[in-house]
Amino acid sequence: MNKQTGDLADLIREHVQALDPYADVILLFPQGTEMHQDIQLYILTPEKVDFSVEQQYLDAKYKVELDASQSLSLYVYSKEDWHKQFVETPIYKQVQLEGIYL
């Protein structure tokens, strides 16, 4: 992890993981792109995801984007849904293999 990625990880820990310390937070860098392009941020929370939960994570994501000057794509799932409904999908496999767990 380079310094720029480390700084981004610190901001995500500060703003996003503070909402739920039991959530898995995973960064996925698209293949062949530079740091200034969208990074995918996956939140896998043990709680049920509803509008209120998603809104809290969106607010935290905006804070990270402002502080880091980095655009993020946010995906919020319950751990149960992620491991049951998405297990056979290519994105699930890519996140499992290439994702950086914070």
PDB file of N, CA and C in Angstrom:
ATOM      1  N   MET A   1       0.850  -1.170   0.000  1.00  0.00           N
ATOM      2  CA  MET A   1       0.000   0.000   0.000  1.00  0.00           C
ATOM      3  C   MET A   1       0.896   1.234   0.000  1.00  0.00           C
ATOM      4  N   ASN A   2       0.732   2.098  -0.995  1.00  0.00           N
ATOM      5  CA  ASN A   2       1.555   3.298  -1.059  1.00  0.00           C
ATOM      6  C   ASN A   2       1.013   4.383  -0.116  1.00  0.00           C
ATOM      7  N   LYS A   3       1.756   5.495  -0.008  1.00  0.00           N
ATOM      8  CA  LYS A   3       1.362   6.541   0.943  1.00  0.00           C
ATOM      9  C   LYS A   3      -0.016   7.115   0.632  1.00  0.00           C
ATOM     10  N   GLN A   4      -0.291   7.351  -0.644  1.00  0.00           N
ATOM     11  CA  GLN A   4      -1.586   7.927  -1.015  1.00  0.00           C
ATOM     12  C   GLN A   4      -2.718   6.967  -0.651  1.00  0.00           C
ATOM     13  N   THR A   5      -2.516   5.677  -0.902  1.00  0.00           N
ATOM     14  CA  THR A   5      -3.514   4.675  -0.537  1.00  0.00           C
ATOM     15  C   THR A   5      -3.645   4.589   0.974  1.00  0.00           C
ATOM     16  N   GLY A   6      -2.527   4.679   1.681  1.00  0.00           N
ATOM     17  CA  GLY A   6      -2.547   4.644   3.142  1.00  0.00           C
ATOM     18  C   GLY A   6      -3.303   5.817   3.733  1.00  0.00           C
ATOM     19  N   ASP A   7      -3.104   7.010   3.159  1.00  0.00           N
ATOM     20  CA  ASP A   7      -3.835   8.190   3.621  1.00  0.00           C
ATOM     21  C   ASP A   7      -5.336   8.018   3.406  1.00  0.00           C
ATOM     22  N   LEU A   8      -5.707   7.482   2.258  1.00  0.00           N
ATOM     23  CA  LEU A   8      -7.116   7.228   1.964  1.00  0.00           C
ATOM     24  C   LEU A   8      -7.681   6.212   2.952  1.00  0.00           C
ATOM     25  N   ALA A   9      -6.929   5.178   3.227  1.00  0.00           N
ATOM     26  CA  ALA A   9      -7.372   4.158   4.183  1.00  0.00           C
ATOM     27  C   ALA A   9      -7.583   4.765   5.565  1.00  0.00           C
ATOM     28  N   ASP A  10      -6.692   5.670   5.971  1.00  0.00           N
ATOM     29  CA  ASP A  10      -6.848   6.329   7.273  1.00  0.00           C
ATOM     30  C   ASP A  10      -8.129   7.163   7.323  1.00  0.00           C
ATOM     31  N   LEU A  11      -8.418   7.879   6.255  1.00  0.00           N
ATOM     32  CA  LEU A  11      -9.647   8.679   6.208  1.00  0.00           C
ATOM     33  C   LEU A  11     -10.888   7.794   6.241  1.00  0.00           C
ATOM     34  N   ILE A  12     -10.832   6.678   5.546  1.00  0.00           N
ATOM     35  CA  ILE A  12     -11.971   5.755   5.549  1.00  0.00           C
ATOM     36  C   ILE A  12     -12.174   5.178   6.939  1.00  0.00           C
ATOM     37  N   ARG A  13     -11.092   4.823   7.592  1.00  0.00           N
ATOM     38  CA  ARG A  13     -11.212   4.315   8.968  1.00  0.00           C
ATOM     39  C   ARG A  13     -11.840   5.374   9.873  1.00  0.00           C
ATOM     40  N   GLU A  14     -11.401   6.608   9.717  1.00  0.00           N
ATOM     41  CA  GLU A  14     -11.893   7.700  10.564  1.00  0.00           C
ATOM     42  C   GLU A  14     -13.381   7.965  10.353  1.00  0.00           C
ATOM     43  N   HIS A  15     -13.810   8.032   9.110  1.00  0.00           N
ATOM     44  CA  HIS A  15     -15.186   8.443   8.820  1.00  0.00           C
ATOM     45  C   HIS A  15     -16.159   7.284   8.636  1.00  0.00           C
ATOM     46  N   VAL A  16     -15.722   6.216   7.996  1.00  0.00           N
ATOM     47  CA  VAL A  16     -16.633   5.131   7.638  1.00  0.00           C
ATOM     48  C   VAL A  16     -16.670   4.044   8.705  1.00  0.00           C
ATOM     49  N   GLN A  17     -15.512   3.548   9.102  1.00  0.00           N
ATOM     50  CA  GLN A  17     -15.506   2.472  10.092  1.00  0.00           C
ATOM     51  C   GLN A  17     -15.992   2.938  11.448  1.00  0.00           C
ATOM     52  N   ALA A  18     -15.969   4.218  11.696  1.00  0.00           N
ATOM     53  CA  ALA A  18     -16.487   4.739  12.959  1.00  0.00           C
ATOM     54  C   ALA A  18     -17.986   4.486  13.093  1.00  0.00           C
ATOM     55  N   LEU A  19     -18.682   4.335  11.974  1.00  0.00           N
ATOM     56  CA  LEU A  19     -20.126   4.075  12.018  1.00  0.00           C
ATOM     57  C   LEU A  19     -20.439   2.677  12.536  1.00  0.00           C
ATOM     58  N   ASP A  20     -19.605   1.714  12.189  1.00  0.00           N
ATOM     59  CA  ASP A  20     -19.830   0.328  12.607  1.00  0.00           C
ATOM     60  C   ASP A  20     -18.488  -0.393  12.644  1.00  0.00           C
ATOM     61  N   PRO A  21     -17.904  -0.541  13.826  1.00  0.00           N
ATOM     62  CA  PRO A  21     -16.596  -1.191  13.914  1.00  0.00           C
ATOM     63  C   PRO A  21     -16.629  -2.671  13.529  1.00  0.00           C
ATOM     64  N   TYR A  22     -17.809  -3.259  13.419  1.00  0.00           N
ATOM     65  CA  TYR A  22     -17.922  -4.673  13.054  1.00  0.00           C
ATOM     66  C   TYR A  22     -18.138  -4.877  11.556  1.00  0.00           C
ATOM     67  N   ALA A  23     -18.260  -3.803  10.822  1.00  0.00           N
ATOM     68  CA  ALA A  23     -18.444  -3.901   9.370  1.00  0.00           C
ATOM     69  C   ALA A  23     -17.103  -4.191   8.702  1.00  0.00           C
ATOM     70  N   ASP A  24     -17.138  -4.988   7.646  1.00  0.00           N
ATOM     71  CA  ASP A  24     -15.958  -5.191   6.810  1.00  0.00           C
ATOM     72  C   ASP A  24     -15.915  -4.050   5.807  1.00  0.00           C
ATOM     73  N   VAL A  25     -14.768  -3.408   5.701  1.00  0.00           N
ATOM     74  CA  VAL A  25     -14.583  -2.310   4.760  1.00  0.00           C
ATOM     75  C   VAL A  25     -13.510  -2.748   3.772  1.00  0.00           C
ATOM     76  N   ILE A  26     -13.866  -2.737   2.489  1.00  0.00           N
ATOM     77  CA  ILE A  26     -12.985  -3.273   1.457  1.00  0.00           C
ATOM     78  C   ILE A  26     -12.816  -2.234   0.351  1.00  0.00           C
ATOM     79  N   LEU A  27     -11.570  -1.989  -0.024  1.00  0.00           N
ATOM     80  CA  LEU A  27     -11.256  -1.111  -1.148  1.00  0.00           C
ATOM     81  C   LEU A  27     -10.932  -1.966  -2.358  1.00  0.00           C
ATOM     82  N   LEU A  28     -11.451  -1.570  -3.506  1.00  0.00           N
ATOM     83  CA  LEU A  28     -11.138  -2.268  -4.748  1.00  0.00           C
ATOM     84  C   LEU A  28     -10.716  -1.225  -5.774  1.00  0.00           C
ATOM     85  N   PHE A  29      -9.478  -1.352  -6.230  1.00  0.00           N
ATOM     86  CA  PHE A  29      -8.945  -0.437  -7.232  1.00  0.00           C
ATOM     87  C   PHE A  29      -9.169  -1.049  -8.608  1.00  0.00           C
ATOM     88  N   PRO A  30      -9.885  -0.357  -9.489  1.00  0.00           N
ATOM     89  CA  PRO A  30     -10.104  -0.889 -10.839  1.00  0.00           C
ATOM     90  C   PRO A  30      -8.774  -1.132 -11.548  1.00  0.00           C
ATOM     91  N   GLN A  31      -8.718  -2.187 -12.326  1.00  0.00           N
ATOM     92  CA  GLN A  31      -7.499  -2.569 -13.037  1.00  0.00           C
ATOM     93  C   GLN A  31      -7.041  -1.468 -13.982  1.00  0.00           C
ATOM     94  N   GLY A  32      -5.752  -1.153 -13.914  1.00  0.00           N
ATOM     95  CA  GLY A  32      -5.155  -0.249 -14.879  1.00  0.00           C
ATOM     96  C   GLY A  32      -5.551   1.206 -14.752  1.00  0.00           C
ATOM     97  N   THR A  33      -6.033   1.628 -13.605  1.00  0.00           N
ATOM     98  CA  THR A  33      -6.419   3.030 -13.455  1.00  0.00           C
ATOM     99  C   THR A  33      -5.497   3.728 -12.470  1.00  0.00           C
ATOM    100  N   GLU A  34      -5.512   5.023 -12.531  1.00  0.00           N
ATOM    101  CA  GLU A  34      -4.714   5.840 -11.628  1.00  0.00           C
ATOM    102  C   GLU A  34      -5.512   6.163 -10.368  1.00  0.00           C
ATOM    103  N   MET A  35      -4.840   6.707  -9.361  1.00  0.00           N
ATOM    104  CA  MET A  35      -5.483   7.033  -8.085  1.00  0.00           C
ATOM    105  C   MET A  35      -6.594   8.069  -8.240  1.00  0.00           C
ATOM    106  N   HIS A  36      -6.531   8.941  -9.231  1.00  0.00           N
ATOM    107  CA  HIS A  36      -7.529  10.008  -9.348  1.00  0.00           C
ATOM    108  C   HIS A  36      -8.857   9.521  -9.912  1.00  0.00           C
ATOM    109  N   GLN A  37      -8.956   8.261 -10.283  1.00  0.00           N
ATOM    110  CA  GLN A  37     -10.220   7.722 -10.781  1.00  0.00           C
ATOM    111  C   GLN A  37     -10.959   7.016  -9.653  1.00  0.00           C
ATOM    112  N   ASP A  38     -12.235   6.692  -9.909  1.00  0.00           N
ATOM    113  CA  ASP A  38     -13.081   6.086  -8.875  1.00  0.00           C
ATOM    114  C   ASP A  38     -12.484   4.809  -8.291  1.00  0.00           C
ATOM    115  N   ILE A  39     -12.516   4.739  -6.992  1.00  0.00           N
ATOM    116  CA  ILE A  39     -12.152   3.541  -6.246  1.00  0.00           C
ATOM    117  C   ILE A  39     -13.451   2.998  -5.679  1.00  0.00           C
ATOM    118  N   GLN A  40     -13.606   1.701  -5.721  1.00  0.00           N
ATOM    119  CA  GLN A  40     -14.827   1.092  -5.208  1.00  0.00           C
ATOM    120  C   GLN A  40     -14.647   0.790  -3.722  1.00  0.00           C
ATOM    121  N   LEU A  41     -15.623   1.191  -2.936  1.00  0.00           N
ATOM    122  CA  LEU A  41     -15.614   0.995  -1.491  1.00  0.00           C
ATOM    123  C   LEU A  41     -16.801   0.117  -1.128  1.00  0.00           C
ATOM    124  N   TYR A  42     -16.508  -1.074  -0.629  1.00  0.00           N
ATOM    125  CA  TYR A  42     -17.551  -2.022  -0.243  1.00  0.00           C
ATOM    126  C   TYR A  42     -17.657  -2.049   1.274  1.00  0.00           C
ATOM    127  N   ILE A  43     -18.870  -1.889   1.773  1.00  0.00           N
ATOM    128  CA  ILE A  43     -19.160  -1.974   3.201  1.00  0.00           C
ATOM    129  C   ILE A  43     -20.051  -3.193   3.400  1.00  0.00           C
ATOM    130  N   LEU A  44     -19.577  -4.132   4.198  1.00  0.00           N
ATOM    131  CA  LEU A  44     -20.363  -5.325   4.528  1.00  0.00           C
ATOM    132  C   LEU A  44     -20.669  -5.263   6.013  1.00  0.00           C
ATOM    133  N   THR A  45     -21.893  -4.938   6.325  1.00  0.00           N
ATOM    134  CA  THR A  45     -22.285  -4.705   7.711  1.00  0.00           C
ATOM    135  C   THR A  45     -23.099  -5.875   8.256  1.00  0.00           C
ATOM    136  N   PRO A  46     -22.962  -6.175   9.541  1.00  0.00           N
ATOM    137  CA  PRO A  46     -23.750  -7.265  10.119  1.00  0.00           C
ATOM    138  C   PRO A  46     -25.226  -6.911  10.273  1.00  0.00           C
ATOM    139  N   GLU A  47     -25.557  -5.634  10.174  1.00  0.00           N
ATOM    140  CA  GLU A  47     -26.953  -5.230  10.337  1.00  0.00           C
ATOM    141  C   GLU A  47     -27.669  -5.182   8.993  1.00  0.00           C
ATOM    142  N   LYS A  48     -28.982  -5.142   9.056  1.00  0.00           N
ATOM    143  CA  LYS A  48     -29.794  -5.022   7.849  1.00  0.00           C
ATOM    144  C   LYS A  48     -29.572  -3.638   7.251  1.00  0.00           C
ATOM    145  N   VAL A  49     -29.441  -3.574   5.950  1.00  0.00           N
ATOM    146  CA  VAL A  49     -29.200  -2.302   5.278  1.00  0.00           C
ATOM    147  C   VAL A  49     -30.533  -1.719   4.820  1.00  0.00           C
ATOM    148  N   ASP A  50     -30.840  -0.554   5.358  1.00  0.00           N
ATOM    149  CA  ASP A  50     -32.031   0.171   4.930  1.00  0.00           C
ATOM    150  C   ASP A  50     -31.591   1.576   4.503  1.00  0.00           C
ATOM    151  N   PHE A  51     -32.546   2.416   4.166  1.00  0.00           N
ATOM    152  CA  PHE A  51     -32.223   3.753   3.681  1.00  0.00           C
ATOM    153  C   PHE A  51     -31.410   4.550   4.700  1.00  0.00           C
ATOM    154  N   SER A  52     -31.779   4.451   5.955  1.00  0.00           N
ATOM    155  CA  SER A  52     -31.095   5.201   7.011  1.00  0.00           C
ATOM    156  C   SER A  52     -29.624   4.791   7.127  1.00  0.00           C
ATOM    157  N   VAL A  53     -29.368   3.504   7.119  1.00  0.00           N
ATOM    158  CA  VAL A  53     -27.989   2.997   7.209  1.00  0.00           C
ATOM    159  C   VAL A  53     -27.194   3.438   5.981  1.00  0.00           C
ATOM    160  N   GLU A  54     -27.793   3.279   4.823  1.00  0.00           N
ATOM    161  CA  GLU A  54     -27.113   3.661   3.588  1.00  0.00           C
ATOM    162  C   GLU A  54     -26.799   5.159   3.579  1.00  0.00           C
ATOM    163  N   GLN A  55     -27.710   5.975   4.068  1.00  0.00           N
ATOM    164  CA  GLN A  55     -27.501   7.421   4.109  1.00  0.00           C
ATOM    165  C   GLN A  55     -26.333   7.787   5.027  1.00  0.00           C
ATOM    166  N   GLN A  56     -26.199   7.100   6.150  1.00  0.00           N
ATOM    167  CA  GLN A  56     -25.075   7.353   7.060  1.00  0.00           C
ATOM    168  C   GLN A  56     -23.742   7.077   6.367  1.00  0.00           C
ATOM    169  N   TYR A  57     -23.682   5.970   5.632  1.00  0.00           N
ATOM    170  CA  TYR A  57     -22.449   5.645   4.918  1.00  0.00           C
ATOM    171  C   TYR A  57     -22.187   6.616   3.767  1.00  0.00           C
ATOM    172  N   LEU A  58     -23.235   7.068   3.103  1.00  0.00           N
ATOM    173  CA  LEU A  58     -23.053   8.061   2.037  1.00  0.00           C
ATOM    174  C   LEU A  58     -22.500   9.367   2.594  1.00  0.00           C
ATOM    175  N   ASP A  59     -23.006   9.801   3.738  1.00  0.00           N
ATOM    176  CA  ASP A  59     -22.492  11.017   4.373  1.00  0.00           C
ATOM    177  C   ASP A  59     -21.008  10.865   4.713  1.00  0.00           C
ATOM    178  N   ALA A  60     -20.639   9.711   5.255  1.00  0.00           N
ATOM    179  CA  ALA A  60     -19.238   9.452   5.593  1.00  0.00           C
ATOM    180  C   ALA A  60     -18.375   9.408   4.329  1.00  0.00           C
ATOM    181  N   LYS A  61     -18.896   8.812   3.273  1.00  0.00           N
ATOM    182  CA  LYS A  61     -18.168   8.742   1.996  1.00  0.00           C
ATOM    183  C   LYS A  61     -17.887  10.144   1.465  1.00  0.00           C
ATOM    184  N   TYR A  62     -18.875  11.039   1.548  1.00  0.00           N
ATOM    185  CA  TYR A  62     -18.681  12.409   1.068  1.00  0.00           C
ATOM    186  C   TYR A  62     -17.573  13.112   1.854  1.00  0.00           C
ATOM    187  N   LYS A  63     -17.508  12.871   3.152  1.00  0.00           N
ATOM    188  CA  LYS A  63     -16.444  13.468   3.969  1.00  0.00           C
ATOM    189  C   LYS A  63     -15.074  12.973   3.518  1.00  0.00           C
ATOM    190  N   VAL A  64     -14.977  11.673   3.246  1.00  0.00           N
ATOM    191  CA  VAL A  64     -13.714  11.103   2.767  1.00  0.00           C
ATOM    192  C   VAL A  64     -13.347  11.715   1.417  1.00  0.00           C
ATOM    193  N   GLU A  65     -14.314  11.816   0.520  1.00  0.00           N
ATOM    194  CA  GLU A  65     -14.045  12.385  -0.804  1.00  0.00           C
ATOM    195  C   GLU A  65     -13.548  13.827  -0.703  1.00  0.00           C
ATOM    196  N   LEU A  66     -14.150  14.606   0.175  1.00  0.00           N
ATOM    197  CA  LEU A  66     -13.723  16.000   0.338  1.00  0.00           C
ATOM    198  C   LEU A  66     -12.321  16.090   0.918  1.00  0.00           C
ATOM    199  N   ASP A  67     -12.040  15.286   1.935  1.00  0.00           N
ATOM    200  CA  ASP A  67     -10.727  15.326   2.579  1.00  0.00           C
ATOM    201  C   ASP A  67      -9.622  14.772   1.685  1.00  0.00           C
ATOM    202  N   ALA A  68      -9.942  13.760   0.892  1.00  0.00           N
ATOM    203  CA  ALA A  68      -8.924  13.087   0.083  1.00  0.00           C
ATOM    204  C   ALA A  68      -8.865  13.593  -1.355  1.00  0.00           C
ATOM    205  N   SER A  69      -9.844  14.390  -1.764  1.00  0.00           N
ATOM    206  CA  SER A  69      -9.956  14.801  -3.172  1.00  0.00           C
ATOM    207  C   SER A  69      -9.918  13.578  -4.078  1.00  0.00           C
ATOM    208  N   GLN A  70     -10.632  12.554  -3.662  1.00  0.00           N
ATOM    209  CA  GLN A  70     -10.664  11.272  -4.373  1.00  0.00           C
ATOM    210  C   GLN A  70     -12.110  10.825  -4.519  1.00  0.00           C
ATOM    211  N   SER A  71     -12.503  10.468  -5.718  1.00  0.00           N
ATOM    212  CA  SER A  71     -13.862  10.003  -5.963  1.00  0.00           C
ATOM    213  C   SER A  71     -13.987   8.522  -5.607  1.00  0.00           C
ATOM    214  N   LEU A  72     -15.057   8.184  -4.883  1.00  0.00           N
ATOM    215  CA  LEU A  72     -15.307   6.802  -4.464  1.00  0.00           C
ATOM    216  C   LEU A  72     -16.686   6.354  -4.931  1.00  0.00           C
ATOM    217  N   SER A  73     -16.782   5.098  -5.283  1.00  0.00           N
ATOM    218  CA  SER A  73     -18.082   4.471  -5.533  1.00  0.00           C
ATOM    219  C   SER A  73     -18.387   3.611  -4.318  1.00  0.00           C
ATOM    220  N   LEU A  74     -19.557   3.798  -3.731  1.00  0.00           N
ATOM    221  CA  LEU A  74     -19.912   3.122  -2.484  1.00  0.00           C
ATOM    222  C   LEU A  74     -20.941   2.028  -2.731  1.00  0.00           C
ATOM    223  N   TYR A  75     -20.681   0.867  -2.136  1.00  0.00           N
ATOM    224  CA  TYR A  75     -21.605  -0.268  -2.196  1.00  0.00           C
ATOM    225  C   TYR A  75     -21.789  -0.782  -0.776  1.00  0.00           C
ATOM    226  N   VAL A  76     -23.015  -0.748  -0.276  1.00  0.00           N
ATOM    227  CA  VAL A  76     -23.303  -1.163   1.101  1.00  0.00           C
ATOM    228  C   VAL A  76     -24.231  -2.371   1.060  1.00  0.00           C
ATOM    229  N   TYR A  77     -23.797  -3.458   1.691  1.00  0.00           N
ATOM    230  CA  TYR A  77     -24.586  -4.687   1.755  1.00  0.00           C
ATOM    231  C   TYR A  77     -24.538  -5.243   3.169  1.00  0.00           C
ATOM    232  N   SER A  78     -25.556  -5.981   3.526  1.00  0.00           N
ATOM    233  CA  SER A  78     -25.443  -6.752   4.760  1.00  0.00           C
ATOM    234  C   SER A  78     -24.520  -7.927   4.452  1.00  0.00           C
ATOM    235  N   LYS A  79     -23.759  -8.364   5.442  1.00  0.00           N
ATOM    236  CA  LYS A  79     -22.850  -9.493   5.231  1.00  0.00           C
ATOM    237  C   LYS A  79     -23.612 -10.721   4.758  1.00  0.00           C
ATOM    238  N   GLU A  80     -24.778 -10.939   5.346  1.00  0.00           N
ATOM    239  CA  GLU A  80     -25.576 -12.110   4.983  1.00  0.00           C
ATOM    240  C   GLU A  80     -25.973 -12.062   3.508  1.00  0.00           C
ATOM    241  N   ASP A  81     -26.476 -10.925   3.052  1.00  0.00           N
ATOM    242  CA  ASP A  81     -26.863 -10.792   1.647  1.00  0.00           C
ATOM    243  C   ASP A  81     -25.656 -10.948   0.718  1.00  0.00           C
ATOM    244  N   TRP A  82     -24.549 -10.325   1.082  1.00  0.00           N
ATOM    245  CA  TRP A  82     -23.347 -10.373   0.252  1.00  0.00           C
ATOM    246  C   TRP A  82     -22.878 -11.815   0.049  1.00  0.00           C
ATOM    247  N   HIS A  83     -22.808 -12.577   1.129  1.00  0.00           N
ATOM    248  CA  HIS A  83     -22.275 -13.941   1.043  1.00  0.00           C
ATOM    249  C   HIS A  83     -23.282 -14.959   0.518  1.00  0.00           C
ATOM    250  N   LYS A  84     -24.556 -14.608   0.467  1.00  0.00           N
ATOM    251  CA  LYS A  84     -25.565 -15.528  -0.073  1.00  0.00           C
ATOM    252  C   LYS A  84     -25.956 -15.164  -1.500  1.00  0.00           C
ATOM    253  N   GLN A  85     -26.299 -13.917  -1.721  1.00  0.00           N
ATOM    254  CA  GLN A  85     -26.845 -13.513  -3.017  1.00  0.00           C
ATOM    255  C   GLN A  85     -25.788 -13.229  -4.079  1.00  0.00           C
ATOM    256  N   PHE A  86     -24.590 -12.859  -3.658  1.00  0.00           N
ATOM    257  CA  PHE A  86     -23.584 -12.434  -4.626  1.00  0.00           C
ATOM    258  C   PHE A  86     -22.439 -13.422  -4.805  1.00  0.00           C
ATOM    259  N   VAL A  87     -22.459 -14.517  -4.083  1.00  0.00           N
ATOM    260  CA  VAL A  87     -21.327 -15.439  -4.048  1.00  0.00           C
ATOM    261  C   VAL A  87     -20.947 -15.984  -5.430  1.00  0.00           C
ATOM    262  N   GLU A  88     -21.875 -16.101  -6.327  1.00  0.00           N
ATOM    263  CA  GLU A  88     -21.590 -16.647  -7.661  1.00  0.00           C
ATOM    264  C   GLU A  88     -21.314 -15.570  -8.714  1.00  0.00           C
ATOM    265  N   THR A  89     -21.231 -14.321  -8.302  1.00  0.00           N
ATOM    266  CA  THR A  89     -21.050 -13.240  -9.268  1.00  0.00           C
ATOM    267  C   THR A  89     -19.569 -12.912  -9.474  1.00  0.00           C
ATOM    268  N   PRO A  90     -19.222 -12.394 -10.635  1.00  0.00           N
ATOM    269  CA  PRO A  90     -17.824 -12.015 -10.884  1.00  0.00           C
ATOM    270  C   PRO A  90     -17.319 -10.931  -9.929  1.00  0.00           C
ATOM    271  N   ILE A  91     -18.174  -9.970  -9.558  1.00  0.00           N
ATOM    272  CA  ILE A  91     -17.702  -8.903  -8.666  1.00  0.00           C
ATOM    273  C   ILE A  91     -17.389  -9.447  -7.281  1.00  0.00           C
ATOM    274  N   TYR A  92     -18.154 -10.420  -6.810  1.00  0.00           N
ATOM    275  CA  TYR A  92     -17.876 -11.048  -5.515  1.00  0.00           C
ATOM    276  C   TYR A  92     -16.482 -11.669  -5.545  1.00  0.00           C
ATOM    277  N   LYS A  93     -16.209 -12.406  -6.600  1.00  0.00           N
ATOM    278  CA  LYS A  93     -14.907 -13.074  -6.724  1.00  0.00           C
ATOM    279  C   LYS A  93     -13.781 -12.053  -6.830  1.00  0.00           C
ATOM    280  N   GLN A  94     -14.005 -10.978  -7.576  1.00  0.00           N
ATOM    281  CA  GLN A  94     -12.980  -9.948  -7.716  1.00  0.00           C
ATOM    282  C   GLN A  94     -12.709  -9.256  -6.379  1.00  0.00           C
ATOM    283  N   VAL A  95     -13.761  -8.939  -5.647  1.00  0.00           N
ATOM    284  CA  VAL A  95     -13.587  -8.296  -4.339  1.00  0.00           C
ATOM    285  C   VAL A  95     -12.841  -9.234  -3.391  1.00  0.00           C
ATOM    286  N   GLN A  96     -13.184 -10.511  -3.404  1.00  0.00           N
ATOM    287  CA  GLN A  96     -12.527 -11.477  -2.521  1.00  0.00           C
ATOM    288  C   GLN A  96     -11.045 -11.628  -2.868  1.00  0.00           C
ATOM    289  N   LEU A  97     -10.711 -11.606  -4.155  1.00  0.00           N
ATOM    290  CA  LEU A  97      -9.326 -11.828  -4.584  1.00  0.00           C
ATOM    291  C   LEU A  97      -8.471 -10.567  -4.569  1.00  0.00           C
ATOM    292  N   GLU A  98      -9.033  -9.443  -4.983  1.00  0.00           N
ATOM    293  CA  GLU A  98      -8.241  -8.234  -5.187  1.00  0.00           C
ATOM    294  C   GLU A  98      -8.519  -7.122  -4.186  1.00  0.00           C
ATOM    295  N   GLY A  99      -9.577  -7.261  -3.402  1.00  0.00           N
ATOM    296  CA  GLY A  99      -9.945  -6.213  -2.466  1.00  0.00           C
ATOM    297  C   GLY A  99      -8.949  -6.075  -1.326  1.00  0.00           C
ATOM    298  N   ILE A 100      -8.811  -4.861  -0.846  1.00  0.00           N
ATOM    299  CA  ILE A 100      -7.947  -4.570   0.303  1.00  0.00           C
ATOM    300  C   ILE A 100      -8.854  -4.367   1.506  1.00  0.00           C
ATOM    301  N   TYR A 101      -8.749  -5.278   2.465  1.00  0.00           N
ATOM    302  CA  TYR A 101      -9.572  -5.200   3.674  1.00  0.00           C
ATOM    303  C   TYR A 101      -8.922  -4.235   4.656  1.00  0.00           C
ATOM    304  N   LEU A 102      -9.710  -3.293   5.149  1.00  0.00           N
ATOM    305  CA  LEU A 102      -9.196  -2.315   6.120  1.00  0.00           C
ATOM    306  C   LEU A 102      -9.551  -2.737   7.527  1.00  0.00           C
TER     307      LEU A 102
END
